[in-house]
Amino acid sequence: MNPSPGFSIMGILSAVFTFVLAGLAVYALILAIIFLRLRIAGLKRAARRPLP
């Protein structure tokens, strides 16, 4: 009997690659949310300041 593809070297490597890719996607999403919150806060601060 052949082992299932999930237990082969390629299956393990593809699973690791998928987890790393998912981790990078979550990390990029968190960075984008932090950047946008800072940007919105800066725009609000600039809007409150009266123009000379």
C-alpha atoms as a PDB file:
ATOM      1  CA  MET A   1       0.000   0.000   0.000  1.00  0.00           C
ATOM      2  CA  ASN A   2       1.243   3.460  -0.843  1.00  0.00           C
ATOM      3  CA  PRO A   3       1.097   6.078   1.910  1.00  0.00           C
ATOM      4  CA  SER A   4      -1.324   8.939   1.355  1.00  0.00           C
ATOM      5  CA  PRO A   5       0.122  12.046  -0.365  1.00  0.00           C
ATOM      6  CA  GLY A   6      -0.230  14.017   2.884  1.00  0.00           C
ATOM      7  CA  PHE A   7       2.648  12.047   4.409  1.00  0.00           C
ATOM      8  CA  SER A   8       5.073  12.338   1.506  1.00  0.00           C
ATOM      9  CA  ILE A   9       7.915  14.854   1.463  1.00  0.00           C
ATOM     10  CA  MET A  10       6.142  16.953  -1.153  1.00  0.00           C
ATOM     11  CA  GLY A  11       2.935  16.941   0.865  1.00  0.00           C
ATOM     12  CA  ILE A  12       4.767  18.119   3.986  1.00  0.00           C
ATOM     13  CA  LEU A  13       6.635  20.820   2.034  1.00  0.00           C
ATOM     14  CA  SER A  14       3.458  22.082   0.405  1.00  0.00           C
ATOM     15  CA  ALA A  15       1.721  22.213   3.808  1.00  0.00           C
ATOM     16  CA  VAL A  16       4.618  24.169   5.325  1.00  0.00           C
ATOM     17  CA  PHE A  17       4.645  26.522   2.330  1.00  0.00           C
ATOM     18  CA  THR A  18       0.885  27.059   2.681  1.00  0.00           C
ATOM     19  CA  PHE A  19       1.201  27.850   6.408  1.00  0.00           C
ATOM     20  CA  VAL A  20       4.066  30.285   5.780  1.00  0.00           C
ATOM     21  CA  LEU A  21       2.100  32.000   3.017  1.00  0.00           C
ATOM     22  CA  ALA A  22      -0.977  32.268   5.244  1.00  0.00           C
ATOM     23  CA  GLY A  23       1.164  33.700   8.054  1.00  0.00           C
ATOM     24  CA  LEU A  24       2.652  36.317   5.744  1.00  0.00           C
ATOM     25  CA  ALA A  25      -0.806  37.265   4.498  1.00  0.00           C
ATOM     26  CA  VAL A  26      -2.061  37.765   8.071  1.00  0.00           C
ATOM     27  CA  TYR A  27       1.070  39.777   8.921  1.00  0.00           C
ATOM     28  CA  ALA A  28       0.584  42.037   5.884  1.00  0.00           C
ATOM     29  CA  LEU A  29      -3.089  42.516   6.791  1.00  0.00           C
ATOM     30  CA  ILE A  30      -2.200  43.557  10.349  1.00  0.00           C
ATOM     31  CA  LEU A  31       0.436  45.996   9.076  1.00  0.00           C
ATOM     32  CA  ALA A  32      -2.050  47.496   6.613  1.00  0.00           C
ATOM     33  CA  ILE A  33      -4.652  47.958   9.362  1.00  0.00           C
ATOM     34  CA  ILE A  34      -2.114  49.658  11.655  1.00  0.00           C
ATOM     35  CA  PHE A  35      -0.899  51.906   8.829  1.00  0.00           C
ATOM     36  CA  LEU A  36      -4.439  52.909   7.850  1.00  0.00           C
ATOM     37  CA  ARG A  37      -5.401  53.693  11.459  1.00  0.00           C
ATOM     38  CA  LEU A  38      -2.339  55.912  11.842  1.00  0.00           C
ATOM     39  CA  ARG A  39      -3.058  57.596   8.494  1.00  0.00           C
ATOM     40  CA  ILE A  40      -6.694  58.267   9.390  1.00  0.00           C
ATOM     41  CA  ALA A  41      -5.654  59.673  12.785  1.00  0.00           C
ATOM     42  CA  GLY A  42      -3.154  61.991  11.056  1.00  0.00           C
ATOM     43  CA  LEU A  43      -5.770  63.177   8.566  1.00  0.00           C
ATOM     44  CA  LYS A  44      -8.250  63.879  11.360  1.00  0.00           C
ATOM     45  CA  ARG A  45      -5.597  65.845  13.239  1.00  0.00           C
ATOM     46  CA  ALA A  46      -4.782  67.848  10.113  1.00  0.00           C
ATOM     47  CA  ALA A  47      -8.471  68.528   9.457  1.00  0.00           C
ATOM     48  CA  ARG A  48      -8.973  69.933  12.956  1.00  0.00           C
ATOM     49  CA  ARG A  49      -6.064  72.332  12.588  1.00  0.00           C
ATOM     50  CA  PRO A  50      -7.245  75.629  11.024  1.00  0.00           C
ATOM     51  CA  LEU A  51      -5.524  76.671   7.817  1.00  0.00           C
ATOM     52  CA  PRO A  52      -3.443  79.871   8.045  1.00  0.00           C
END
